[in-house]
C-alpha cells in the first residue's frame, strides 16, 4: 500500500471549497478523471455507508471515519459494490480493505483555502490517482474560484 499526497491552494473561502468538493453536481465534474460519471451516495454518518460509484452504479463501499465539516473528512474503503451487492470479504478486497482517503481543508485567510488529500492505494493505481487528483483539483479550483465571486 502506498500513501499519496495532493494539495492545492484555492482562492475561495473554506465553506465554498467544501461545498464544491461534496455537492453532487460539482463532484461529478472534478472526479471525471477517475471515472467518467463518478458519483457518490452517503448518509453523512460516522460509521455509516458511503458508496463511490461509476456511471453504471458499481464501485466501492466505504464508511466515514471522521467528519468535521468544513475542514476534514476521512473515508475508510471497505470493499466493492457491484450489481447491488457489497463484497467486503473476498481475497481481492481483503488486500486493500481499510485503505483511507482523507481530505483536509485549512483556512489561509478569509478567501483562501488549502485543500489536501491523502490516499492509500495499491501501487498499480498510482497513475490513475495522480491523473485524477491533479486534473480534478484543477477543475475543483476553477469551480470554487469562479462561483465564489
C-alpha atoms as a PDB file:
ATOM      1  CA  UNK A   1       0.000   0.000   0.000  1.00  0.00           C
ATOM      2  CA  UNK A   2       1.300   3.432  -0.963  1.00  0.00           C
ATOM      3  CA  UNK A   3       0.400   6.816   0.526  1.00  0.00           C
ATOM      4  CA  UNK A   4      -0.039   9.648  -1.954  1.00  0.00           C
ATOM      5  CA  UNK A   5      -0.454  13.344  -1.136  1.00  0.00           C
ATOM      6  CA  UNK A   6      -2.125  16.054  -3.205  1.00  0.00           C
ATOM      7  CA  UNK A   7      -2.684  19.695  -2.396  1.00  0.00           C
ATOM      8  CA  UNK A   8      -3.775  22.927  -3.941  1.00  0.00           C
ATOM      9  CA  UNK A   9      -4.475  26.471  -2.804  1.00  0.00           C
ATOM     10  CA  UNK A  10      -7.876  27.805  -3.828  1.00  0.00           C
ATOM     11  CA  UNK A  11      -8.904  31.454  -3.788  1.00  0.00           C
ATOM     12  CA  UNK A  12     -12.252  30.826  -2.114  1.00  0.00           C
ATOM     13  CA  UNK A  13     -13.492  30.518   1.482  1.00  0.00           C
ATOM     14  CA  UNK A  14     -13.243  27.102   3.136  1.00  0.00           C
ATOM     15  CA  UNK A  15     -17.024  26.501   3.165  1.00  0.00           C
ATOM     16  CA  UNK A  16     -17.237  27.192  -0.586  1.00  0.00           C
ATOM     17  CA  UNK A  17     -14.426  24.705  -1.282  1.00  0.00           C
ATOM     18  CA  UNK A  18     -16.150  22.091   0.908  1.00  0.00           C
ATOM     19  CA  UNK A  19     -19.424  22.655  -0.922  1.00  0.00           C
ATOM     20  CA  UNK A  20     -17.779  22.226  -4.341  1.00  0.00           C
ATOM     21  CA  UNK A  21     -16.000  19.065  -3.132  1.00  0.00           C
ATOM     22  CA  UNK A  22     -19.196  17.355  -1.963  1.00  0.00           C
ATOM     23  CA  UNK A  23     -22.081  18.874  -3.958  1.00  0.00           C
ATOM     24  CA  UNK A  24     -23.369  16.023  -6.170  1.00  0.00           C
ATOM     25  CA  UNK A  25     -23.295  18.220  -9.319  1.00  0.00           C
ATOM     26  CA  UNK A  26     -19.771  19.547  -8.867  1.00  0.00           C
ATOM     27  CA  UNK A  27     -18.446  16.217  -7.509  1.00  0.00           C
ATOM     28  CA  UNK A  28     -19.150  14.572 -10.873  1.00  0.00           C
ATOM     29  CA  UNK A  29     -17.202  17.350 -12.596  1.00  0.00           C
ATOM     30  CA  UNK A  30     -13.991  17.217 -10.581  1.00  0.00           C
ATOM     31  CA  UNK A  31     -13.946  13.399 -10.296  1.00  0.00           C
ATOM     32  CA  UNK A  32     -14.450  12.760 -14.024  1.00  0.00           C
ATOM     33  CA  UNK A  33     -10.726  11.985 -14.388  1.00  0.00           C
ATOM     34  CA  UNK A  34     -11.002   8.972 -12.091  1.00  0.00           C
ATOM     35  CA  UNK A  35     -14.020   7.569 -13.922  1.00  0.00           C
ATOM     36  CA  UNK A  36     -16.494   9.407 -16.173  1.00  0.00           C
ATOM     37  CA  UNK A  37     -19.878   9.550 -14.452  1.00  0.00           C
ATOM     38  CA  UNK A  38     -18.371   9.257 -10.960  1.00  0.00           C
ATOM     39  CA  UNK A  39     -20.806   9.978  -8.156  1.00  0.00           C
ATOM     40  CA  UNK A  40     -21.266   9.166  -4.503  1.00  0.00           C
ATOM     41  CA  UNK A  41     -24.096   8.358  -2.129  1.00  0.00           C
ATOM     42  CA  UNK A  42     -23.685   8.806   1.612  1.00  0.00           C
ATOM     43  CA  UNK A  43     -25.674   9.095   4.806  1.00  0.00           C
ATOM     44  CA  UNK A  44     -23.017  11.545   6.143  1.00  0.00           C
ATOM     45  CA  UNK A  45     -22.728   9.480   9.338  1.00  0.00           C
ATOM     46  CA  UNK A  46     -19.536   8.297  11.014  1.00  0.00           C
ATOM     47  CA  UNK A  47     -19.644   4.516  10.723  1.00  0.00           C
ATOM     48  CA  UNK A  48     -22.443   4.723   8.142  1.00  0.00           C
ATOM     49  CA  UNK A  49     -22.341   3.813   4.465  1.00  0.00           C
ATOM     50  CA  UNK A  50     -20.834   5.737   1.582  1.00  0.00           C
ATOM     51  CA  UNK A  51     -20.775   4.445  -1.977  1.00  0.00           C
ATOM     52  CA  UNK A  52     -18.358   5.766  -4.606  1.00  0.00           C
ATOM     53  CA  UNK A  53     -19.951   4.734  -7.884  1.00  0.00           C
ATOM     54  CA  UNK A  54     -19.319   4.802 -11.617  1.00  0.00           C
ATOM     55  CA  UNK A  55     -21.938   5.652 -14.244  1.00  0.00           C
ATOM     56  CA  UNK A  56     -23.365   2.107 -14.113  1.00  0.00           C
ATOM     57  CA  UNK A  57     -23.786   2.170 -10.309  1.00  0.00           C
ATOM     58  CA  UNK A  58     -20.823  -0.054  -9.435  1.00  0.00           C
ATOM     59  CA  UNK A  59     -17.823   0.934  -7.334  1.00  0.00           C
ATOM     60  CA  UNK A  60     -16.660   0.947  -3.721  1.00  0.00           C
ATOM     61  CA  UNK A  61     -18.452   0.713  -0.404  1.00  0.00           C
ATOM     62  CA  UNK A  62     -16.861   2.845   2.292  1.00  0.00           C
ATOM     63  CA  UNK A  63     -17.546   4.411   5.656  1.00  0.00           C
ATOM     64  CA  UNK A  64     -16.809   7.810   7.159  1.00  0.00           C
ATOM     65  CA  UNK A  65     -14.240   7.532   9.980  1.00  0.00           C
ATOM     66  CA  UNK A  66     -14.066  11.229  10.800  1.00  0.00           C
ATOM     67  CA  UNK A  67     -16.186  14.220   9.796  1.00  0.00           C
ATOM     68  CA  UNK A  68     -15.608  17.828  10.834  1.00  0.00           C
ATOM     69  CA  UNK A  69     -17.358  19.992   8.251  1.00  0.00           C
ATOM     70  CA  UNK A  70     -15.913  22.032   6.562  1.00  0.00           C
ATOM     71  CA  UNK A  71     -12.334  21.106   7.443  1.00  0.00           C
ATOM     72  CA  UNK A  72     -11.972  17.315   7.461  1.00  0.00           C
ATOM     73  CA  UNK A  73     -13.428  14.076   6.206  1.00  0.00           C
ATOM     74  CA  UNK A  74     -11.796  10.658   6.297  1.00  0.00           C
ATOM     75  CA  UNK A  75     -13.215   7.692   4.422  1.00  0.00           C
ATOM     76  CA  UNK A  76     -12.238   4.072   5.017  1.00  0.00           C
ATOM     77  CA  UNK A  77     -12.804   1.875   1.973  1.00  0.00           C
ATOM     78  CA  UNK A  78     -14.415  -1.416   2.955  1.00  0.00           C
ATOM     79  CA  UNK A  79     -14.940  -3.248  -0.307  1.00  0.00           C
ATOM     80  CA  UNK A  80     -16.524  -3.353  -3.737  1.00  0.00           C
ATOM     81  CA  UNK A  81     -20.129  -2.744  -4.731  1.00  0.00           C
ATOM     82  CA  UNK A  82     -21.356  -4.456  -7.897  1.00  0.00           C
ATOM     83  CA  UNK A  83     -24.868  -5.102  -9.172  1.00  0.00           C
ATOM     84  CA  UNK A  84     -26.307  -4.103  -5.797  1.00  0.00           C
ATOM     85  CA  UNK A  85     -24.096  -6.495  -3.802  1.00  0.00           C
ATOM     86  CA  UNK A  86     -21.375  -5.498  -1.326  1.00  0.00           C
ATOM     87  CA  UNK A  87     -18.168  -7.554  -1.325  1.00  0.00           C
ATOM     88  CA  UNK A  88     -16.171  -6.931   1.843  1.00  0.00           C
ATOM     89  CA  UNK A  89     -14.789 -10.445   2.335  1.00  0.00           C
ATOM     90  CA  UNK A  90     -13.193 -11.707  -0.903  1.00  0.00           C
ATOM     91  CA  UNK A  91      -9.439 -12.273  -1.023  1.00  0.00           C
ATOM     92  CA  UNK A  92      -9.001  -9.414  -3.543  1.00  0.00           C
ATOM     93  CA  UNK A  93     -10.886  -6.966  -1.327  1.00  0.00           C
ATOM     94  CA  UNK A  94      -9.130  -8.036   1.866  1.00  0.00           C
ATOM     95  CA  UNK A  95      -5.799  -6.991   0.310  1.00  0.00           C
ATOM     96  CA  UNK A  96      -6.818  -3.313   0.387  1.00  0.00           C
ATOM     97  CA  UNK A  97      -9.820  -3.101   2.723  1.00  0.00           C
ATOM     98  CA  UNK A  98      -9.323  -0.333   5.265  1.00  0.00           C
ATOM     99  CA  UNK A  99      -7.411   1.905   2.877  1.00  0.00           C
ATOM    100  CA  UNK A 100      -8.186   5.516   3.667  1.00  0.00           C
ATOM    101  CA  UNK A 101      -8.981   8.604   1.639  1.00  0.00           C
ATOM    102  CA  UNK A 102      -8.585  11.812   3.638  1.00  0.00           C
ATOM    103  CA  UNK A 103      -9.473  15.403   2.820  1.00  0.00           C
ATOM    104  CA  UNK A 104      -8.261  18.353   4.888  1.00  0.00           C
ATOM    105  CA  UNK A 105      -9.218  21.982   4.289  1.00  0.00           C
ATOM    106  CA  UNK A 106      -7.337  24.762   6.034  1.00  0.00           C
ATOM    107  CA  UNK A 107      -8.196  28.445   6.019  1.00  0.00           C
ATOM    108  CA  UNK A 108      -5.186  30.501   4.972  1.00  0.00           C
ATOM    109  CA  UNK A 109      -7.165  33.742   5.116  1.00  0.00           C
ATOM    110  CA  UNK A 110     -10.805  34.722   4.694  1.00  0.00           C
ATOM    111  CA  UNK A 111     -10.834  33.995   0.947  1.00  0.00           C
ATOM    112  CA  UNK A 112      -8.046  31.427   0.566  1.00  0.00           C
ATOM    113  CA  UNK A 113      -8.145  27.719   1.379  1.00  0.00           C
ATOM    114  CA  UNK A 114      -5.532  24.986   1.263  1.00  0.00           C
ATOM    115  CA  UNK A 115      -7.013  21.642   0.203  1.00  0.00           C
ATOM    116  CA  UNK A 116      -5.066  18.452   0.865  1.00  0.00           C
ATOM    117  CA  UNK A 117      -5.943  14.872   0.005  1.00  0.00           C
ATOM    118  CA  UNK A 118      -4.088  11.836   1.308  1.00  0.00           C
ATOM    119  CA  UNK A 119      -4.905   8.434  -0.172  1.00  0.00           C
ATOM    120  CA  UNK A 120      -3.736   4.895   0.486  1.00  0.00           C
ATOM    121  CA  UNK A 121      -3.666   2.874  -2.708  1.00  0.00           C
ATOM    122  CA  UNK A 122      -2.205  -0.164  -4.365  1.00  0.00           C
ATOM    123  CA  UNK A 123       0.897   0.774  -6.398  1.00  0.00           C
ATOM    124  CA  UNK A 124      -0.930  -0.331  -9.594  1.00  0.00           C
ATOM    125  CA  UNK A 125      -3.385   2.583  -9.183  1.00  0.00           C
ATOM    126  CA  UNK A 126      -0.816   5.349  -8.683  1.00  0.00           C
ATOM    127  CA  UNK A 127      -1.053   6.765 -12.217  1.00  0.00           C
ATOM    128  CA  UNK A 128      -4.870   6.840 -12.072  1.00  0.00           C
ATOM    129  CA  UNK A 129      -4.759   8.658  -8.708  1.00  0.00           C
ATOM    130  CA  UNK A 130      -2.146  11.156  -9.922  1.00  0.00           C
ATOM    131  CA  UNK A 131      -4.192  11.980 -13.009  1.00  0.00           C
ATOM    132  CA  UNK A 132      -7.477  12.032 -11.107  1.00  0.00           C
ATOM    133  CA  UNK A 133      -6.363  14.280  -8.286  1.00  0.00           C
ATOM    134  CA  UNK A 134      -4.074  16.601 -10.271  1.00  0.00           C
ATOM    135  CA  UNK A 135      -6.588  17.262 -13.061  1.00  0.00           C
ATOM    136  CA  UNK A 136      -9.567  17.004 -10.712  1.00  0.00           C
ATOM    137  CA  UNK A 137      -8.190  19.576  -8.280  1.00  0.00           C
ATOM    138  CA  UNK A 138      -7.659  21.983 -11.224  1.00  0.00           C
ATOM    139  CA  UNK A 139     -11.357  21.664 -12.100  1.00  0.00           C
ATOM    140  CA  UNK A 140     -12.367  21.955  -8.447  1.00  0.00           C
ATOM    141  CA  UNK A 141     -10.213  25.073  -8.036  1.00  0.00           C
ATOM    142  CA  UNK A 142     -11.837  26.687 -11.097  1.00  0.00           C
ATOM    143  CA  UNK A 143     -15.333  25.792  -9.911  1.00  0.00           C
ATOM    144  CA  UNK A 144     -14.754  27.173  -6.397  1.00  0.00           C
ATOM    145  CA  UNK A 145     -12.988  30.319  -7.529  1.00  0.00           C
ATOM    146  CA  UNK A 146     -15.484  31.156 -10.269  1.00  0.00           C
ATOM    147  CA  UNK A 147     -18.542  30.506  -8.140  1.00  0.00           C
ATOM    148  CA  UNK A 148     -17.102  32.227  -5.049  1.00  0.00           C
ATOM    149  CA  UNK A 149     -17.443  35.667  -6.524  1.00  0.00           C
END
